[in-house]
Amino acid sequence: MSREKVKEAAEEQQKPVKRRRISVWTVIQWFLIPLLLVAALGGGMVVGYVILGKKELSDVLQWSTWKHVYDLVFAP
């Protein structure tokens, strides 16, 4: 082996290992975006059912309400 190859091999062994940092955008993608989607779903249910439909807010969370909506949408 030549001296240059030995020198290059020694330099490669001395390089510190870089750790991968979690970026702010990754945190936004995994936590904030799904949270906003759930908030938009809840807000849409409230606006559509309470404001436009003139019904009670407690009715939005009842299973029978969503079963009825499903039956209306997918009725033959």
PDB file of N, CA and C in Angstrom:
ATOM      1  N   MET A   1       0.837  -1.190   0.000  1.00  0.00           N
ATOM      2  CA  MET A   1       0.000   0.000   0.000  1.00  0.00           C
ATOM      3  C   MET A   1       0.873   1.241   0.000  1.00  0.00           C
ATOM      4  N   SER A   2       0.380   2.205  -0.689  1.00  0.00           N
ATOM      5  CA  SER A   2       1.149   3.449  -0.714  1.00  0.00           C
ATOM      6  C   SER A   2       0.799   4.280   0.515  1.00  0.00           C
ATOM      7  N   ARG A   3       1.625   5.270   0.756  1.00  0.00           N
ATOM      8  CA  ARG A   3       1.416   6.124   1.933  1.00  0.00           C
ATOM      9  C   ARG A   3       0.101   6.894   1.824  1.00  0.00           C
ATOM     10  N   GLU A   4      -0.274   7.288   0.610  1.00  0.00           N
ATOM     11  CA  GLU A   4      -1.512   8.057   0.434  1.00  0.00           C
ATOM     12  C   GLU A   4      -2.741   7.227   0.803  1.00  0.00           C
ATOM     13  N   LYS A   5      -2.752   5.972   0.414  1.00  0.00           N
ATOM     14  CA  LYS A   5      -3.892   5.114   0.733  1.00  0.00           C
ATOM     15  C   LYS A   5      -3.990   4.873   2.236  1.00  0.00           C
ATOM     16  N   VAL A   6      -2.854   4.705   2.875  1.00  0.00           N
ATOM     17  CA  VAL A   6      -2.846   4.510   4.322  1.00  0.00           C
ATOM     18  C   VAL A   6      -3.334   5.771   5.012  1.00  0.00           C
ATOM     19  N   LYS A   7      -2.908   6.915   4.511  1.00  0.00           N
ATOM     20  CA  LYS A   7      -3.317   8.196   5.086  1.00  0.00           C
ATOM     21  C   LYS A   7      -4.823   8.397   4.915  1.00  0.00           C
ATOM     22  N   GLU A   8      -5.374   8.071   3.731  1.00  0.00           N
ATOM     23  CA  GLU A   8      -6.811   8.207   3.480  1.00  0.00           C
ATOM     24  C   GLU A   8      -7.617   7.264   4.370  1.00  0.00           C
ATOM     25  N   ALA A   9      -7.130   6.054   4.549  1.00  0.00           N
ATOM     26  CA  ALA A   9      -7.823   5.093   5.400  1.00  0.00           C
ATOM     27  C   ALA A   9      -7.850   5.571   6.848  1.00  0.00           C
ATOM     28  N   ALA A  10      -6.769   6.161   7.310  1.00  0.00           N
ATOM     29  CA  ALA A  10      -6.707   6.673   8.680  1.00  0.00           C
ATOM     30  C   ALA A  10      -7.658   7.851   8.860  1.00  0.00           C
ATOM     31  N   GLU A  11      -7.781   8.714   7.840  1.00  0.00           N
ATOM     32  CA  GLU A  11      -8.675   9.864   7.920  1.00  0.00           C
ATOM     33  C   GLU A  11     -10.138   9.419   7.945  1.00  0.00           C
ATOM     34  N   GLU A  12     -10.461   8.386   7.175  1.00  0.00           N
ATOM     35  CA  GLU A  12     -11.830   7.901   7.150  1.00  0.00           C
ATOM     36  C   GLU A  12     -12.245   7.338   8.506  1.00  0.00           C
ATOM     37  N   GLN A  13     -11.324   6.698   9.200  1.00  0.00           N
ATOM     38  CA  GLN A  13     -11.639   6.122  10.493  1.00  0.00           C
ATOM     39  C   GLN A  13     -11.813   7.193  11.563  1.00  0.00           C
ATOM     40  N   GLN A  14     -11.226   8.351  11.384  1.00  0.00           N
ATOM     41  CA  GLN A  14     -11.275   9.405  12.390  1.00  0.00           C
ATOM     42  C   GLN A  14     -12.494  10.313  12.232  1.00  0.00           C
ATOM     43  N   LYS A  15     -13.206  10.216  11.116  1.00  0.00           N
ATOM     44  CA  LYS A  15     -14.365  11.098  10.912  1.00  0.00           C
ATOM     45  C   LYS A  15     -15.461  10.749  11.916  1.00  0.00           C
ATOM     46  N   PRO A  16     -16.011  11.770  12.579  1.00  0.00           N
ATOM     47  CA  PRO A  16     -17.089  11.499  13.533  1.00  0.00           C
ATOM     48  C   PRO A  16     -18.367  11.093  12.787  1.00  0.00           C
ATOM     49  N   VAL A  17     -19.155  10.264  13.431  1.00  0.00           N
ATOM     50  CA  VAL A  17     -20.414   9.827  12.842  1.00  0.00           C
ATOM     51  C   VAL A  17     -21.436  10.929  13.060  1.00  0.00           C
ATOM     52  N   LYS A  18     -22.063  11.354  11.974  1.00  0.00           N
ATOM     53  CA  LYS A  18     -23.077  12.409  12.079  1.00  0.00           C
ATOM     54  C   LYS A  18     -24.409  11.788  12.461  1.00  0.00           C
ATOM     55  N   ARG A  19     -25.032  12.351  13.467  1.00  0.00           N
ATOM     56  CA  ARG A  19     -26.345  11.881  13.878  1.00  0.00           C
ATOM     57  C   ARG A  19     -27.403  12.652  13.104  1.00  0.00           C
ATOM     58  N   ARG A  20     -28.437  11.942  12.759  1.00  0.00           N
ATOM     59  CA  ARG A  20     -29.523  12.569  12.012  1.00  0.00           C
ATOM     60  C   ARG A  20     -30.432  13.298  12.989  1.00  0.00           C
ATOM     61  N   ARG A  21     -30.638  14.574  12.758  1.00  0.00           N
ATOM     62  CA  ARG A  21     -31.493  15.369  13.627  1.00  0.00           C
ATOM     63  C   ARG A  21     -32.904  15.371  13.080  1.00  0.00           C
ATOM     64  N   ILE A  22     -33.873  15.411  13.970  1.00  0.00           N
ATOM     65  CA  ILE A  22     -35.268  15.499  13.550  1.00  0.00           C
ATOM     66  C   ILE A  22     -35.578  16.967  13.285  1.00  0.00           C
ATOM     67  N   SER A  23     -36.017  17.247  12.077  1.00  0.00           N
ATOM     68  CA  SER A  23     -36.292  18.628  11.723  1.00  0.00           C
ATOM     69  C   SER A  23     -37.673  19.050  12.227  1.00  0.00           C
ATOM     70  N   VAL A  24     -37.883  20.327  12.235  1.00  0.00           N
ATOM     71  CA  VAL A  24     -39.168  20.878  12.660  1.00  0.00           C
ATOM     72  C   VAL A  24     -40.258  20.428  11.699  1.00  0.00           C
ATOM     73  N   TRP A  25     -39.954  20.362  10.419  1.00  0.00           N
ATOM     74  CA  TRP A  25     -40.943  19.963   9.428  1.00  0.00           C
ATOM     75  C   TRP A  25     -41.414  18.531   9.673  1.00  0.00           C
ATOM     76  N   THR A  26     -40.543  17.658  10.111  1.00  0.00           N
ATOM     77  CA  THR A  26     -40.932  16.279  10.405  1.00  0.00           C
ATOM     78  C   THR A  26     -41.924  16.249  11.562  1.00  0.00           C
ATOM     79  N   VAL A  27     -41.680  17.052  12.569  1.00  0.00           N
ATOM     80  CA  VAL A  27     -42.604  17.126  13.701  1.00  0.00           C
ATOM     81  C   VAL A  27     -43.958  17.656  13.236  1.00  0.00           C
ATOM     82  N   ILE A  28     -43.950  18.644  12.381  1.00  0.00           N
ATOM     83  CA  ILE A  28     -45.194  19.195  11.849  1.00  0.00           C
ATOM     84  C   ILE A  28     -45.951  18.132  11.058  1.00  0.00           C
ATOM     85  N   GLN A  29     -45.249  17.396  10.238  1.00  0.00           N
ATOM     86  CA  GLN A  29     -45.898  16.379   9.420  1.00  0.00           C
ATOM     87  C   GLN A  29     -46.546  15.298  10.267  1.00  0.00           C
ATOM     88  N   TRP A  30     -45.912  14.866  11.319  1.00  0.00           N
ATOM     89  CA  TRP A  30     -46.406  13.736  12.088  1.00  0.00           C
ATOM     90  C   TRP A  30     -47.407  14.102  13.173  1.00  0.00           C
ATOM     91  N   PHE A  31     -47.418  15.333  13.630  1.00  0.00           N
ATOM     92  CA  PHE A  31     -48.303  15.678  14.738  1.00  0.00           C
ATOM     93  C   PHE A  31     -49.288  16.793  14.409  1.00  0.00           C
ATOM     94  N   LEU A  32     -48.817  17.874  13.834  1.00  0.00           N
ATOM     95  CA  LEU A  32     -49.692  19.024  13.636  1.00  0.00           C
ATOM     96  C   LEU A  32     -50.685  18.795  12.509  1.00  0.00           C
ATOM     97  N   ILE A  33     -50.261  18.220  11.405  1.00  0.00           N
ATOM     98  CA  ILE A  33     -51.166  18.024  10.274  1.00  0.00           C
ATOM     99  C   ILE A  33     -52.308  17.074  10.627  1.00  0.00           C
ATOM    100  N   PRO A  34     -52.056  15.895  11.221  1.00  0.00           N
ATOM    101  CA  PRO A  34     -53.198  15.054  11.623  1.00  0.00           C
ATOM    102  C   PRO A  34     -54.108  15.726  12.654  1.00  0.00           C
ATOM    103  N   LEU A  35     -53.534  16.506  13.552  1.00  0.00           N
ATOM    104  CA  LEU A  35     -54.341  17.222  14.527  1.00  0.00           C
ATOM    105  C   LEU A  35     -55.261  18.226  13.837  1.00  0.00           C
ATOM    106  N   LEU A  36     -54.738  18.937  12.852  1.00  0.00           N
ATOM    107  CA  LEU A  36     -55.560  19.886  12.111  1.00  0.00           C
ATOM    108  C   LEU A  36     -56.646  19.185  11.298  1.00  0.00           C
ATOM    109  N   LEU A  37     -56.346  18.008  10.764  1.00  0.00           N
ATOM    110  CA  LEU A  37     -57.350  17.255  10.023  1.00  0.00           C
ATOM    111  C   LEU A  37     -58.506  16.818  10.924  1.00  0.00           C
ATOM    112  N   VAL A  38     -58.186  16.372  12.126  1.00  0.00           N
ATOM    113  CA  VAL A  38     -59.230  15.979  13.076  1.00  0.00           C
ATOM    114  C   VAL A  38     -60.048  17.198  13.497  1.00  0.00           C
ATOM    115  N   ALA A  39     -59.403  18.325  13.707  1.00  0.00           N
ATOM    116  CA  ALA A  39     -60.112  19.559  14.064  1.00  0.00           C
ATOM    117  C   ALA A  39     -61.028  20.009  12.923  1.00  0.00           C
ATOM    118  N   ALA A  40     -60.565  19.876  11.678  1.00  0.00           N
ATOM    119  CA  ALA A  40     -61.395  20.242  10.533  1.00  0.00           C
ATOM    120  C   ALA A  40     -62.604  19.316  10.415  1.00  0.00           C
ATOM    121  N   LEU A  41     -62.407  18.031  10.693  1.00  0.00           N
ATOM    122  CA  LEU A  41     -63.525  17.087  10.672  1.00  0.00           C
ATOM    123  C   LEU A  41     -64.566  17.450  11.731  1.00  0.00           C
ATOM    124  N   GLY A  42     -64.104  17.733  12.929  1.00  0.00           N
ATOM    125  CA  GLY A  42     -65.023  18.125  14.000  1.00  0.00           C
ATOM    126  C   GLY A  42     -65.731  19.437  13.693  1.00  0.00           C
ATOM    127  N   GLY A  43     -64.985  20.397  13.186  1.00  0.00           N
ATOM    128  CA  GLY A  43     -65.594  21.675  12.828  1.00  0.00           C
ATOM    129  C   GLY A  43     -66.614  21.532  11.703  1.00  0.00           C
ATOM    130  N   GLY A  44     -66.309  20.683  10.736  1.00  0.00           N
ATOM    131  CA  GLY A  44     -67.255  20.450   9.646  1.00  0.00           C
ATOM    132  C   GLY A  44     -68.522  19.772  10.123  1.00  0.00           C
ATOM    133  N   MET A  45     -68.384  18.837  11.061  1.00  0.00           N
ATOM    134  CA  MET A  45     -69.576  18.186  11.616  1.00  0.00           C
ATOM    135  C   MET A  45     -70.442  19.194  12.366  1.00  0.00           C
ATOM    136  N   VAL A  46     -69.805  20.052  13.127  1.00  0.00           N
ATOM    137  CA  VAL A  46     -70.563  21.037  13.897  1.00  0.00           C
ATOM    138  C   VAL A  46     -71.254  22.026  12.963  1.00  0.00           C
ATOM    139  N   VAL A  47     -70.527  22.538  12.002  1.00  0.00           N
ATOM    140  CA  VAL A  47     -71.120  23.516  11.077  1.00  0.00           C
ATOM    141  C   VAL A  47     -72.246  22.877  10.270  1.00  0.00           C
ATOM    142  N   GLY A  48     -71.999  21.690   9.733  1.00  0.00           N
ATOM    143  CA  GLY A  48     -73.005  21.053   8.898  1.00  0.00           C
ATOM    144  C   GLY A  48     -74.224  20.588   9.656  1.00  0.00           C
ATOM    145  N   TYR A  49     -74.041  20.056  10.826  1.00  0.00           N
ATOM    146  CA  TYR A  49     -75.163  19.473  11.552  1.00  0.00           C
ATOM    147  C   TYR A  49     -75.865  20.476  12.450  1.00  0.00           C
ATOM    148  N   VAL A  50     -75.093  21.323  13.126  1.00  0.00           N
ATOM    149  CA  VAL A  50     -75.696  22.245  14.089  1.00  0.00           C
ATOM    150  C   VAL A  50     -76.164  23.533  13.411  1.00  0.00           C
ATOM    151  N   ILE A  51     -75.290  24.138  12.618  1.00  0.00           N
ATOM    152  CA  ILE A  51     -75.639  25.434  12.032  1.00  0.00           C
ATOM    153  C   ILE A  51     -76.560  25.264  10.822  1.00  0.00           C
ATOM    154  N   LEU A  52     -76.166  24.425   9.881  1.00  0.00           N
ATOM    155  CA  LEU A  52     -76.987  24.249   8.673  1.00  0.00           C
ATOM    156  C   LEU A  52     -78.207  23.360   8.928  1.00  0.00           C
ATOM    157  N   GLY A  53     -78.028  22.322   9.725  1.00  0.00           N
ATOM    158  CA  GLY A  53     -79.122  21.384   9.968  1.00  0.00           C
ATOM    159  C   GLY A  53     -80.043  21.764  11.103  1.00  0.00           C
ATOM    160  N   LYS A  54     -79.680  22.767  11.883  1.00  0.00           N
ATOM    161  CA  LYS A  54     -80.478  23.252  13.014  1.00  0.00           C
ATOM    162  C   LYS A  54     -80.821  22.138  14.009  1.00  0.00           C
ATOM    163  N   LYS A  55     -79.827  21.284  14.313  1.00  0.00           N
ATOM    164  CA  LYS A  55     -80.013  20.197  15.269  1.00  0.00           C
ATOM    165  C   LYS A  55     -79.145  20.444  16.500  1.00  0.00           C
ATOM    166  N   GLU A  56     -79.315  19.605  17.509  1.00  0.00           N
ATOM    167  CA  GLU A  56     -78.551  19.721  18.752  1.00  0.00           C
ATOM    168  C   GLU A  56     -77.123  19.214  18.564  1.00  0.00           C
ATOM    169  N   LEU A  57     -76.166  19.812  19.258  1.00  0.00           N
ATOM    170  CA  LEU A  57     -74.766  19.403  19.192  1.00  0.00           C
ATOM    171  C   LEU A  57     -74.572  17.990  19.739  1.00  0.00           C
ATOM    172  N   SER A  58     -75.348  17.621  20.736  1.00  0.00           N
ATOM    173  CA  SER A  58     -75.206  16.282  21.314  1.00  0.00           C
ATOM    174  C   SER A  58     -75.614  15.193  20.321  1.00  0.00           C
ATOM    175  N   ASP A  59     -76.459  15.511  19.356  1.00  0.00           N
ATOM    176  CA  ASP A  59     -76.884  14.530  18.358  1.00  0.00           C
ATOM    177  C   ASP A  59     -75.756  14.162  17.395  1.00  0.00           C
ATOM    178  N   VAL A  60     -74.781  15.026  17.256  1.00  0.00           N
ATOM    179  CA  VAL A  60     -73.678  14.769  16.326  1.00  0.00           C
ATOM    180  C   VAL A  60     -72.880  13.544  16.761  1.00  0.00           C
ATOM    181  N   LEU A  61     -72.766  13.320  18.044  1.00  0.00           N
ATOM    182  CA  LEU A  61     -71.926  12.246  18.551  1.00  0.00           C
ATOM    183  C   LEU A  61     -72.669  10.928  18.765  1.00  0.00           C
ATOM    184  N   GLN A  62     -73.941  10.867  18.425  1.00  0.00           N
ATOM    185  CA  GLN A  62     -74.703   9.636  18.603  1.00  0.00           C
ATOM    186  C   GLN A  62     -74.511   8.706  17.406  1.00  0.00           C
ATOM    187  N   TRP A  63     -74.374   7.409  17.695  1.00  0.00           N
ATOM    188  CA  TRP A  63     -74.159   6.416  16.647  1.00  0.00           C
ATOM    189  C   TRP A  63     -75.367   6.327  15.715  1.00  0.00           C
ATOM    190  N   SER A  64     -76.556   6.464  16.241  1.00  0.00           N
ATOM    191  CA  SER A  64     -77.764   6.334  15.421  1.00  0.00           C
ATOM    192  C   SER A  64     -77.837   7.424  14.349  1.00  0.00           C
ATOM    193  N   THR A  65     -77.307   8.589  14.655  1.00  0.00           N
ATOM    194  CA  THR A  65     -77.284   9.667  13.665  1.00  0.00           C
ATOM    195  C   THR A  65     -76.429   9.289  12.473  1.00  0.00           C
ATOM    196  N   TRP A  66     -75.244   8.754  12.713  1.00  0.00           N
ATOM    197  CA  TRP A  66     -74.334   8.425  11.619  1.00  0.00           C
ATOM    198  C   TRP A  66     -74.776   7.164  10.884  1.00  0.00           C
ATOM    199  N   LYS A  67     -75.475   6.273  11.573  1.00  0.00           N
ATOM    200  CA  LYS A  67     -76.046   5.107  10.892  1.00  0.00           C
ATOM    201  C   LYS A  67     -77.124   5.571   9.919  1.00  0.00           C
ATOM    202  N   HIS A  68     -77.930   6.527  10.348  1.00  0.00           N
ATOM    203  CA  HIS A  68     -78.973   7.075   9.480  1.00  0.00           C
ATOM    204  C   HIS A  68     -78.371   7.786   8.266  1.00  0.00           C
ATOM    205  N   VAL A  69     -77.307   8.553   8.478  1.00  0.00           N
ATOM    206  CA  VAL A  69     -76.626   9.226   7.363  1.00  0.00           C
ATOM    207  C   VAL A  69     -76.058   8.195   6.399  1.00  0.00           C
ATOM    208  N   TYR A  70     -75.440   7.146   6.915  1.00  0.00           N
ATOM    209  CA  TYR A  70     -74.896   6.087   6.073  1.00  0.00           C
ATOM    210  C   TYR A  70     -76.002   5.421   5.253  1.00  0.00           C
ATOM    211  N   ASP A  71     -77.134   5.151   5.908  1.00  0.00           N
ATOM    212  CA  ASP A  71     -78.255   4.540   5.201  1.00  0.00           C
ATOM    213  C   ASP A  71     -78.788   5.457   4.106  1.00  0.00           C
ATOM    214  N   LEU A  72     -78.810   6.756   4.339  1.00  0.00           N
ATOM    215  CA  LEU A  72     -79.283   7.697   3.314  1.00  0.00           C
ATOM    216  C   LEU A  72     -78.329   7.740   2.119  1.00  0.00           C
ATOM    217  N   VAL A  73     -77.039   7.726   2.392  1.00  0.00           N
ATOM    218  CA  VAL A  73     -76.052   7.846   1.311  1.00  0.00           C
ATOM    219  C   VAL A  73     -75.975   6.570   0.487  1.00  0.00           C
ATOM    220  N   PHE A  74     -75.984   5.419   1.147  1.00  0.00           N
ATOM    221  CA  PHE A  74     -75.778   4.159   0.447  1.00  0.00           C
ATOM    222  C   PHE A  74     -77.074   3.355   0.254  1.00  0.00           C
ATOM    223  N   ALA A  75     -78.209   4.020   0.284  1.00  0.00           N
ATOM    224  CA  ALA A  75     -79.479   3.325   0.084  1.00  0.00           C
ATOM    225  C   ALA A  75     -79.615   2.902  -1.376  1.00  0.00           C
ATOM    226  N   PRO A  76     -80.198   1.700  -1.603  1.00  0.00           N
ATOM    227  CA  PRO A  76     -80.361   1.239  -2.999  1.00  0.00           C
ATOM    228  C   PRO A  76     -81.466   1.962  -3.732  1.00  0.00           C
TER     229      PRO A  76
END
